[in-house]
Amino acid sequence: GGGLVQAGESLRLSCTNSKSIDSYNAMGWYRQAPGKP
């Protein structure tokens, strides 16, 4: 779902797990910008 958009626009990311997501305490998203943690 990533891509190039302009400021103010929207994007939707999707993540599919090969196993049941109910097996995990949590799921989610992290990001990393250039030069940043």
Full PDB file with SEQRES, HELIX, SHEET, SSBOND, CRYST1, ORIGX, SCALE, CONECT and MASTER records, all heavy atoms in Angstrom:
SEQRES   1 A   37  GLY GLY GLY LEU VAL GLN ALA GLY GLU SER LEU ARG LEU          
SEQRES   2 A   37  SER CYS THR ASN SER LYS SER ILE ASP SER TYR ASN ALA          
SEQRES   3 A   37  MET GLY TRP TYR ARG GLN ALA PRO GLY LYS PRO                  
HELIX    1 AA1 ILE A   21  SER A   23  5                                   3    
CRYST1    1.000    1.000    1.000  90.00  90.00  90.00 P 1           1          
ORIGX1      1.000000  0.000000  0.000000        0.00000                         
ORIGX2      0.000000  1.000000  0.000000        0.00000                         
ORIGX3      0.000000  0.000000  1.000000        0.00000                         
SCALE1      1.000000  0.000000  0.000000        0.00000                         
SCALE2      0.000000  1.000000  0.000000        0.00000                         
SCALE3      0.000000  0.000000  1.000000        0.00000                         
ATOM      1  N   GLY A   1       0.769  -1.232   0.000  1.00  0.00           N  
ATOM      2  CA  GLY A   1       0.000   0.000   0.000  1.00  0.00           C  
ATOM      3  C   GLY A   1       0.799   1.281   0.000  1.00  0.00           C  
ATOM      4  O   GLY A   1       0.213   2.364  -0.050  1.00  0.00           O  
ATOM      5  N   GLY A   2       2.114   1.198   0.083  1.00  0.00           N  
ATOM      6  CA  GLY A   2       2.900   2.422   0.069  1.00  0.00           C  
ATOM      7  C   GLY A   2       2.870   3.101  -1.280  1.00  0.00           C  
ATOM      8  O   GLY A   2       2.380   2.543  -2.266  1.00  0.00           O  
ATOM      9  N   GLY A   3       3.390   4.300  -1.324  1.00  0.00           N  
ATOM     10  CA  GLY A   3       3.427   5.016  -2.588  1.00  0.00           C  
ATOM     11  C   GLY A   3       3.796   6.470  -2.394  1.00  0.00           C  
ATOM     12  O   GLY A   3       4.204   6.887  -1.311  1.00  0.00           O  
ATOM     13  N   LEU A   4       3.623   7.218  -3.474  1.00  0.00           N  
ATOM     14  CA  LEU A   4       3.939   8.644  -3.482  1.00  0.00           C  
ATOM     15  C   LEU A   4       2.636   9.426  -3.532  1.00  0.00           C  
ATOM     16  O   LEU A   4       1.795   9.198  -4.422  1.00  0.00           O  
ATOM     17  CB  LEU A   4       4.794   8.985  -4.705  1.00  0.00           C  
ATOM     18  CG  LEU A   4       5.046  10.459  -4.993  1.00  0.00           C  
ATOM     19  CD1 LEU A   4       5.828  11.114  -3.863  1.00  0.00           C  
ATOM     20  CD2 LEU A   4       5.776  10.614  -6.321  1.00  0.00           C  
ATOM     21  N   VAL A   5       2.459  10.322  -2.563  1.00  0.00           N  
ATOM     22  CA  VAL A   5       1.274  11.164  -2.516  1.00  0.00           C  
ATOM     23  C   VAL A   5       1.685  12.587  -2.196  1.00  0.00           C  
ATOM     24  O   VAL A   5       2.810  12.832  -1.754  1.00  0.00           O  
ATOM     25  CB  VAL A   5       0.244  10.679  -1.478  1.00  0.00           C  
ATOM     26  CG1 VAL A   5      -0.284   9.296  -1.824  1.00  0.00           C  
ATOM     27  CG2 VAL A   5       0.834  10.702  -0.079  1.00  0.00           C  
ATOM     28  N   GLN A   6       0.754  13.492  -2.388  1.00  0.00           N  
ATOM     29  CA  GLN A   6       0.992  14.883  -2.021  1.00  0.00           C  
ATOM     30  C   GLN A   6       0.480  15.138  -0.601  1.00  0.00           C  
ATOM     31  O   GLN A   6      -0.384  14.415  -0.091  1.00  0.00           O  
ATOM     32  CB  GLN A   6       0.289  15.813  -3.004  1.00  0.00           C  
ATOM     33  CG  GLN A   6       0.893  15.765  -4.406  1.00  0.00           C  
ATOM     34  CD  GLN A   6       0.305  16.824  -5.315  1.00  0.00           C  
ATOM     35  OE1 GLN A   6      -0.812  17.285  -5.105  1.00  0.00           O  
ATOM     36  NE2 GLN A   6       1.055  17.216  -6.335  1.00  0.00           N  
ATOM     37  N   ALA A   7       1.028  16.165   0.003  1.00  0.00           N  
ATOM     38  CA  ALA A   7       0.591  16.538   1.342  1.00  0.00           C  
ATOM     39  C   ALA A   7      -0.922  16.751   1.370  1.00  0.00           C  
ATOM     40  O   ALA A   7      -1.487  17.346   0.443  1.00  0.00           O  
ATOM     41  CB  ALA A   7       1.311  17.793   1.795  1.00  0.00           C  
ATOM     42  N   GLY A   8      -1.546  16.249   2.424  1.00  0.00           N  
ATOM     43  CA  GLY A   8      -2.991  16.370   2.566  1.00  0.00           C  
ATOM     44  C   GLY A   8      -3.771  15.182   2.048  1.00  0.00           C  
ATOM     45  O   GLY A   8      -4.959  15.041   2.356  1.00  0.00           O  
ATOM     46  N   GLU A   9      -3.123  14.345   1.265  1.00  0.00           N  
ATOM     47  CA  GLU A   9      -3.802  13.180   0.706  1.00  0.00           C  
ATOM     48  C   GLU A   9      -3.768  12.004   1.680  1.00  0.00           C  
ATOM     49  O   GLU A   9      -3.223  12.104   2.782  1.00  0.00           O  
ATOM     50  CB  GLU A   9      -3.176  12.815  -0.635  1.00  0.00           C  
ATOM     51  CG  GLU A   9      -3.410  13.876  -1.702  1.00  0.00           C  
ATOM     52  CD  GLU A   9      -2.871  13.462  -3.062  1.00  0.00           C  
ATOM     53  OE1 GLU A   9      -2.018  12.555  -3.131  1.00  0.00           O  
ATOM     54  OE2 GLU A   9      -3.300  14.056  -4.059  1.00  0.00           O  
ATOM     55  N   SER A  10      -4.354  10.888   1.239  1.00  0.00           N  
ATOM     56  CA  SER A  10      -4.473   9.711   2.094  1.00  0.00           C  
ATOM     57  C   SER A  10      -3.833   8.481   1.444  1.00  0.00           C  
ATOM     58  O   SER A  10      -3.714   8.407   0.214  1.00  0.00           O  
ATOM     59  CB  SER A  10      -5.953   9.415   2.378  1.00  0.00           C  
ATOM     60  OG  SER A  10      -6.559  10.488   3.058  1.00  0.00           O  
ATOM     61  N   LEU A  11      -3.452   7.556   2.289  1.00  0.00           N  
ATOM     62  CA  LEU A  11      -2.970   6.246   1.852  1.00  0.00           C  
ATOM     63  C   LEU A  11      -3.445   5.211   2.863  1.00  0.00           C  
ATOM     64  O   LEU A  11      -3.647   5.540   4.033  1.00  0.00           O  
ATOM     65  CB  LEU A  11      -1.439   6.189   1.809  1.00  0.00           C  
ATOM     66  CG  LEU A  11      -0.685   6.588   0.553  1.00  0.00           C  
ATOM     67  CD1 LEU A  11       0.819   6.472   0.777  1.00  0.00           C  
ATOM     68  CD2 LEU A  11      -1.109   5.750  -0.642  1.00  0.00           C  
ATOM     69  N   ARG A  12      -3.581   3.988   2.384  1.00  0.00           N  
ATOM     70  CA  ARG A  12      -3.957   2.891   3.277  1.00  0.00           C  
ATOM     71  C   ARG A  12      -2.925   1.788   3.134  1.00  0.00           C  
ATOM     72  O   ARG A  12      -2.695   1.284   2.033  1.00  0.00           O  
ATOM     73  CB  ARG A  12      -5.351   2.361   2.944  1.00  0.00           C  
ATOM     74  CG  ARG A  12      -5.892   1.372   3.953  1.00  0.00           C  
ATOM     75  CD  ARG A  12      -7.328   1.001   3.610  1.00  0.00           C  
ATOM     76  NE  ARG A  12      -7.942   0.126   4.604  1.00  0.00           N  
ATOM     77  CZ  ARG A  12      -8.603   0.564   5.662  1.00  0.00           C  
ATOM     78  NH1 ARG A  12      -8.742   1.857   5.856  1.00  0.00           N  
ATOM     79  NH2 ARG A  12      -9.138  -0.295   6.518  1.00  0.00           N  
ATOM     80  N   LEU A  13      -2.327   1.416   4.237  1.00  0.00           N  
ATOM     81  CA  LEU A  13      -1.373   0.319   4.256  1.00  0.00           C  
ATOM     82  C   LEU A  13      -2.064  -0.931   4.797  1.00  0.00           C  
ATOM     83  O   LEU A  13      -2.903  -0.841   5.693  1.00  0.00           O  
ATOM     84  CB  LEU A  13      -0.167   0.645   5.150  1.00  0.00           C  
ATOM     85  CG  LEU A  13       0.607   1.910   4.828  1.00  0.00           C  
ATOM     86  CD1 LEU A  13       1.810   2.038   5.774  1.00  0.00           C  
ATOM     87  CD2 LEU A  13       1.056   1.941   3.390  1.00  0.00           C  
ATOM     88  N   SER A  14      -1.672  -2.069   4.254  1.00  0.00           N  
ATOM     89  CA  SER A  14      -2.209  -3.341   4.730  1.00  0.00           C  
ATOM     90  C   SER A  14      -1.067  -4.285   5.071  1.00  0.00           C  
ATOM     91  O   SER A  14      -0.021  -4.279   4.407  1.00  0.00           O  
ATOM     92  CB  SER A  14      -3.091  -3.985   3.657  1.00  0.00           C  
ATOM     93  OG  SER A  14      -4.260  -3.231   3.443  1.00  0.00           O  
ATOM     94  N   CYS A  15      -1.283  -5.084   6.093  1.00  0.00           N  
ATOM     95  CA  CYS A  15      -0.300  -6.098   6.504  1.00  0.00           C  
ATOM     96  C   CYS A  15      -1.037  -7.410   6.700  1.00  0.00           C  
ATOM     97  O   CYS A  15      -1.999  -7.474   7.472  1.00  0.00           O  
ATOM     98  CB  CYS A  15       0.387  -5.678   7.791  1.00  0.00           C  
ATOM     99  SG  CYS A  15       1.507  -6.928   8.462  1.00  0.00           S  
ATOM    100  N   THR A  16      -0.578  -8.426   6.001  1.00  0.00           N  
ATOM    101  CA  THR A  16      -1.152  -9.758   6.140  1.00  0.00           C  
ATOM    102  C   THR A  16      -0.161 -10.655   6.870  1.00  0.00           C  
ATOM    103  O   THR A  16       1.006 -10.720   6.488  1.00  0.00           O  
ATOM    104  CB  THR A  16      -1.474 -10.364   4.768  1.00  0.00           C  
ATOM    105  OG1 THR A  16      -2.384  -9.499   4.078  1.00  0.00           O  
ATOM    106  CG2 THR A  16      -2.138 -11.723   4.923  1.00  0.00           C  
ATOM    107  N   ASN A  17      -0.656 -11.307   7.900  1.00  0.00           N  
ATOM    108  CA  ASN A  17       0.157 -12.221   8.704  1.00  0.00           C  
ATOM    109  C   ASN A  17      -0.090 -13.647   8.225  1.00  0.00           C  
ATOM    110  O   ASN A  17      -1.238 -14.031   7.987  1.00  0.00           O  
ATOM    111  CB  ASN A  17      -0.220 -12.061  10.177  1.00  0.00           C  
ATOM    112  CG  ASN A  17       0.753 -12.724  11.128  1.00  0.00           C  
ATOM    113  OD1 ASN A  17       1.384 -13.723  10.798  1.00  0.00           O  
ATOM    114  ND2 ASN A  17       0.888 -12.166  12.305  1.00  0.00           N  
ATOM    115  N   SER A  18       0.975 -14.419   8.088  1.00  0.00           N  
ATOM    116  CA  SER A  18       0.824 -15.811   7.640  1.00  0.00           C  
ATOM    117  C   SER A  18       0.204 -16.678   8.731  1.00  0.00           C  
ATOM    118  O   SER A  18      -0.254 -17.788   8.452  1.00  0.00           O  
ATOM    119  CB  SER A  18       2.181 -16.397   7.227  1.00  0.00           C  
ATOM    120  OG  SER A  18       3.083 -16.389   8.318  1.00  0.00           O  
ATOM    121  N   LYS A  19       0.185 -16.164   9.946  1.00  0.00           N  
ATOM    122  CA  LYS A  19      -0.425 -16.862  11.064  1.00  0.00           C  
ATOM    123  C   LYS A  19      -1.567 -16.024  11.624  1.00  0.00           C  
ATOM    124  O   LYS A  19      -1.731 -14.864  11.274  1.00  0.00           O  
ATOM    125  CB  LYS A  19       0.621 -17.146  12.146  1.00  0.00           C  
ATOM    126  CG  LYS A  19       1.752 -18.056  11.679  1.00  0.00           C  
ATOM    127  CD  LYS A  19       2.677 -18.401  12.829  1.00  0.00           C  
ATOM    128  CE  LYS A  19       3.769 -19.371  12.370  1.00  0.00           C  
ATOM    129  NZ  LYS A  19       4.653 -19.760  13.499  1.00  0.00           N  
ATOM    130  N   SER A  20      -2.332 -16.622  12.487  1.00  0.00           N  
ATOM    131  CA  SER A  20      -3.457 -15.919  13.084  1.00  0.00           C  
ATOM    132  C   SER A  20      -2.986 -14.721  13.903  1.00  0.00           C  
ATOM    133  O   SER A  20      -2.124 -14.837  14.770  1.00  0.00           O  
ATOM    134  CB  SER A  20      -4.225 -16.879  13.997  1.00  0.00           C  
ATOM    135  OG  SER A  20      -5.177 -16.175  14.757  1.00  0.00           O  
ATOM    136  N   ILE A  21      -3.562 -13.558  13.608  1.00  0.00           N  
ATOM    137  CA  ILE A  21      -3.148 -12.366  14.356  1.00  0.00           C  
ATOM    138  C   ILE A  21      -3.604 -12.443  15.807  1.00  0.00           C  
ATOM    139  O   ILE A  21      -3.080 -11.739  16.663  1.00  0.00           O  
ATOM    140  CB  ILE A  21      -3.659 -11.073  13.697  1.00  0.00           C  
ATOM    141  CG1 ILE A  21      -5.185 -11.000  13.673  1.00  0.00           C  
ATOM    142  CG2 ILE A  21      -3.086 -10.923  12.296  1.00  0.00           C  
ATOM    143  CD1 ILE A  21      -5.717  -9.656  13.201  1.00  0.00           C  
ATOM    144  N   ASP A  22      -4.557 -13.320  16.085  1.00  0.00           N  
ATOM    145  CA  ASP A  22      -5.013 -13.495  17.469  1.00  0.00           C  
ATOM    146  C   ASP A  22      -3.962 -14.208  18.318  1.00  0.00           C  
ATOM    147  O   ASP A  22      -4.100 -14.275  19.535  1.00  0.00           O  
ATOM    148  CB  ASP A  22      -6.323 -14.268  17.495  1.00  0.00           C  
ATOM    149  CG  ASP A  22      -7.465 -13.463  16.920  1.00  0.00           C  
ATOM    150  OD1 ASP A  22      -7.385 -12.218  16.939  1.00  0.00           O  
ATOM    151  OD2 ASP A  22      -8.441 -14.076  16.445  1.00  0.00           O  
ATOM    152  N   SER A  23      -2.934 -14.733  17.662  1.00  0.00           N  
ATOM    153  CA  SER A  23      -1.852 -15.396  18.388  1.00  0.00           C  
ATOM    154  C   SER A  23      -0.869 -14.409  18.996  1.00  0.00           C  
ATOM    155  O   SER A  23      -0.004 -14.805  19.782  1.00  0.00           O  
ATOM    156  CB  SER A  23      -1.076 -16.332  17.444  1.00  0.00           C  
ATOM    157  OG  SER A  23      -1.925 -17.311  16.884  1.00  0.00           O  
ATOM    158  N   TYR A  24      -0.985 -13.153  18.622  1.00  0.00           N  
ATOM    159  CA  TYR A  24      -0.031 -12.136  19.031  1.00  0.00           C  
ATOM    160  C   TYR A  24      -0.666 -11.146  19.992  1.00  0.00           C  
ATOM    161  O   TYR A  24      -1.853 -10.865  19.928  1.00  0.00           O  
ATOM    162  CB  TYR A  24       0.515 -11.405  17.795  1.00  0.00           C  
ATOM    163  CG  TYR A  24       1.238 -12.351  16.874  1.00  0.00           C  
ATOM    164  CD1 TYR A  24       0.537 -13.044  15.889  1.00  0.00           C  
ATOM    165  CD2 TYR A  24       2.592 -12.584  17.005  1.00  0.00           C  
ATOM    166  CE1 TYR A  24       1.185 -13.946  15.071  1.00  0.00           C  
ATOM    167  CE2 TYR A  24       3.251 -13.480  16.192  1.00  0.00           C  
ATOM    168  CZ  TYR A  24       2.538 -14.154  15.232  1.00  0.00           C  
ATOM    169  OH  TYR A  24       3.190 -15.047  14.422  1.00  0.00           O  
ATOM    170  N   ASN A  25       0.150 -10.623  20.885  1.00  0.00           N  
ATOM    171  CA  ASN A  25      -0.349  -9.640  21.839  1.00  0.00           C  
ATOM    172  C   ASN A  25      -0.768  -8.347  21.144  1.00  0.00           C  
ATOM    173  O   ASN A  25      -1.706  -7.678  21.560  1.00  0.00           O  
ATOM    174  CB  ASN A  25       0.717  -9.343  22.893  1.00  0.00           C  
ATOM    175  CG  ASN A  25       1.054 -10.560  23.715  1.00  0.00           C  
ATOM    176  OD1 ASN A  25       2.066 -11.205  23.504  1.00  0.00           O  
ATOM    177  ND2 ASN A  25       0.165 -10.916  24.641  1.00  0.00           N  
ATOM    178  N   ALA A  26      -0.039  -8.011  20.104  1.00  0.00           N  
ATOM    179  CA  ALA A  26      -0.354  -6.795  19.359  1.00  0.00           C  
ATOM    180  C   ALA A  26       0.264  -6.880  17.975  1.00  0.00           C  
ATOM    181  O   ALA A  26       1.218  -7.626  17.743  1.00  0.00           O  
ATOM    182  CB  ALA A  26       0.169  -5.549  20.085  1.00  0.00           C  
ATOM    183  N   MET A  27      -0.294  -6.107  17.101  1.00  0.00           N  
ATOM    184  CA  MET A  27       0.289  -5.905  15.779  1.00  0.00           C  
ATOM    185  C   MET A  27       0.237  -4.428  15.458  1.00  0.00           C  
ATOM    186  O   MET A  27      -0.555  -3.679  16.024  1.00  0.00           O  
ATOM    187  CB  MET A  27      -0.475  -6.697  14.716  1.00  0.00           C  
ATOM    188  CG  MET A  27      -0.213  -8.191  14.789  1.00  0.00           C  
ATOM    189  SD  MET A  27      -0.773  -9.060  13.324  1.00  0.00           S  
ATOM    190  CE  MET A  27       0.239  -8.322  12.030  1.00  0.00           C  
ATOM    191  N   GLY A  28       1.093  -4.032  14.539  1.00  0.00           N  
ATOM    192  CA  GLY A  28       1.049  -2.625  14.202  1.00  0.00           C  
ATOM    193  C   GLY A  28       2.111  -2.202  13.223  1.00  0.00           C  
ATOM    194  O   GLY A  28       2.665  -3.023  12.493  1.00  0.00           O  
ATOM    195  N   TRP A  29       2.355  -0.905  13.247  1.00  0.00           N  
ATOM    196  CA  TRP A  29       3.228  -0.292  12.255  1.00  0.00           C  
ATOM    197  C   TRP A  29       4.270   0.591  12.929  1.00  0.00           C  
ATOM    198  O   TRP A  29       3.955   1.334  13.867  1.00  0.00           O  
ATOM    199  CB  TRP A  29       2.407   0.557  11.287  1.00  0.00           C  
ATOM    200  CG  TRP A  29       1.457  -0.242  10.466  1.00  0.00           C  
ATOM    201  CD1 TRP A  29       0.174  -0.571  10.785  1.00  0.00           C  
ATOM    202  CD2 TRP A  29       1.717  -0.831   9.194  1.00  0.00           C  
ATOM    203  NE1 TRP A  29      -0.379  -1.337   9.782  1.00  0.00           N  
ATOM    204  CE2 TRP A  29       0.541  -1.508   8.794  1.00  0.00           C  
ATOM    205  CE3 TRP A  29       2.826  -0.852   8.341  1.00  0.00           C  
ATOM    206  CZ2 TRP A  29       0.449  -2.192   7.582  1.00  0.00           C  
ATOM    207  CZ3 TRP A  29       2.735  -1.525   7.141  1.00  0.00           C  
ATOM    208  CH2 TRP A  29       1.557  -2.193   6.766  1.00  0.00           C  
ATOM    209  N   TYR A  30       5.468   0.512  12.397  1.00  0.00           N  
ATOM    210  CA  TYR A  30       6.558   1.401  12.756  1.00  0.00           C  
ATOM    211  C   TYR A  30       7.034   2.067  11.473  1.00  0.00           C  
ATOM    212  O   TYR A  30       6.750   1.596  10.379  1.00  0.00           O  
ATOM    213  CB  TYR A  30       7.706   0.627  13.388  1.00  0.00           C  
ATOM    214  CG  TYR A  30       7.412   0.086  14.766  1.00  0.00           C  
ATOM    215  CD1 TYR A  30       6.507  -0.956  14.945  1.00  0.00           C  
ATOM    216  CD2 TYR A  30       8.038   0.605  15.891  1.00  0.00           C  
ATOM    217  CE1 TYR A  30       6.232  -1.458  16.204  1.00  0.00           C  
ATOM    218  CE2 TYR A  30       7.783   0.105  17.160  1.00  0.00           C  
ATOM    219  CZ  TYR A  30       6.878  -0.924  17.302  1.00  0.00           C  
ATOM    220  OH  TYR A  30       6.625  -1.416  18.557  1.00  0.00           O  
ATOM    221  N   ARG A  31       7.766   3.152  11.607  1.00  0.00           N  
ATOM    222  CA  ARG A  31       8.342   3.777  10.427  1.00  0.00           C  
ATOM    223  C   ARG A  31       9.742   4.278  10.736  1.00  0.00           C  
ATOM    224  O   ARG A  31      10.091   4.538  11.881  1.00  0.00           O  
ATOM    225  CB  ARG A  31       7.465   4.934   9.927  1.00  0.00           C  
ATOM    226  CG  ARG A  31       7.452   6.162  10.838  1.00  0.00           C  
ATOM    227  CD  ARG A  31       6.448   7.167  10.324  1.00  0.00           C  
ATOM    228  NE  ARG A  31       6.415   8.354  11.189  1.00  0.00           N  
ATOM    229  CZ  ARG A  31       5.471   9.289  11.124  1.00  0.00           C  
ATOM    230  NH1 ARG A  31       4.490   9.179  10.233  1.00  0.00           N  
ATOM    231  NH2 ARG A  31       5.511  10.322  11.928  1.00  0.00           N  
ATOM    232  N   GLN A  32      10.492   4.429   9.653  1.00  0.00           N  
ATOM    233  CA  GLN A  32      11.842   4.937   9.779  1.00  0.00           C  
ATOM    234  C   GLN A  32      12.119   5.903   8.647  1.00  0.00           C  
ATOM    235  O   GLN A  32      12.064   5.530   7.468  1.00  0.00           O  
ATOM    236  CB  GLN A  32      12.865   3.800   9.765  1.00  0.00           C  
ATOM    237  CG  GLN A  32      14.277   4.238  10.094  1.00  0.00           C  
ATOM    238  CD  GLN A  32      15.181   3.076  10.434  1.00  0.00           C  
ATOM    239  OE1 GLN A  32      14.906   1.929  10.093  1.00  0.00           O  
ATOM    240  NE2 GLN A  32      16.276   3.367  11.129  1.00  0.00           N  
ATOM    241  N   ALA A  33      12.404   7.133   9.019  1.00  0.00           N  
ATOM    242  CA  ALA A  33      12.779   8.152   8.043  1.00  0.00           C  
ATOM    243  C   ALA A  33      14.297   8.138   7.891  1.00  0.00           C  
ATOM    244  O   ALA A  33      15.015   7.697   8.799  1.00  0.00           O  
ATOM    245  CB  ALA A  33      12.304   9.521   8.515  1.00  0.00           C  
ATOM    246  N   PRO A  34      14.800   8.632   6.771  1.00  0.00           N  
ATOM    247  CA  PRO A  34      16.260   8.645   6.560  1.00  0.00           C  
ATOM    248  C   PRO A  34      16.980   9.361   7.689  1.00  0.00           C  
ATOM    249  O   PRO A  34      16.617  10.478   8.060  1.00  0.00           O  
ATOM    250  CB  PRO A  34      16.405   9.394   5.234  1.00  0.00           C  
ATOM    251  CG  PRO A  34      15.124   9.160   4.528  1.00  0.00           C  
ATOM    252  CD  PRO A  34      14.066   9.124   5.606  1.00  0.00           C  
ATOM    253  N   GLY A  35      17.978   8.697   8.261  1.00  0.00           N  
ATOM    254  CA  GLY A  35      18.780   9.316   9.298  1.00  0.00           C  
ATOM    255  C   GLY A  35      18.134   9.378  10.667  1.00  0.00           C  
ATOM    256  O   GLY A  35      18.698   9.997  11.580  1.00  0.00           O  
ATOM    257  N   LYS A  36      16.971   8.755  10.792  1.00  0.00           N  
ATOM    258  CA  LYS A  36      16.268   8.785  12.076  1.00  0.00           C  
ATOM    259  C   LYS A  36      16.027   7.369  12.587  1.00  0.00           C  
ATOM    260  O   LYS A  36      15.993   6.423  11.796  1.00  0.00           O  
ATOM    261  CB  LYS A  36      14.941   9.523  11.924  1.00  0.00           C  
ATOM    262  CG  LYS A  36      15.095  11.003  11.619  1.00  0.00           C  
ATOM    263  CD  LYS A  36      13.739  11.704  11.652  1.00  0.00           C  
ATOM    264  CE  LYS A  36      13.883  13.195  11.425  1.00  0.00           C  
ATOM    265  NZ  LYS A  36      12.566  13.894  11.492  1.00  0.00           N  
ATOM    266  N   PRO A  37      15.839   7.216  13.888  1.00  0.00           N  
ATOM    267  CA  PRO A  37      15.550   5.885  14.415  1.00  0.00           C  
ATOM    268  C   PRO A  37      14.128   5.449  14.064  1.00  0.00           C  
ATOM    269  O   PRO A  37      13.268   6.281  13.748  1.00  0.00           O  
ATOM    270  CB  PRO A  37      15.712   6.076  15.928  1.00  0.00           C  
ATOM    271  CG  PRO A  37      15.447   7.524  16.157  1.00  0.00           C  
ATOM    272  CD  PRO A  37      15.951   8.247  14.953  1.00  0.00           C  
TER     273      PRO A  37                                                      
MASTER        0    0    0    1    0    0    0    6  272    1    0    3          
END                                                                             
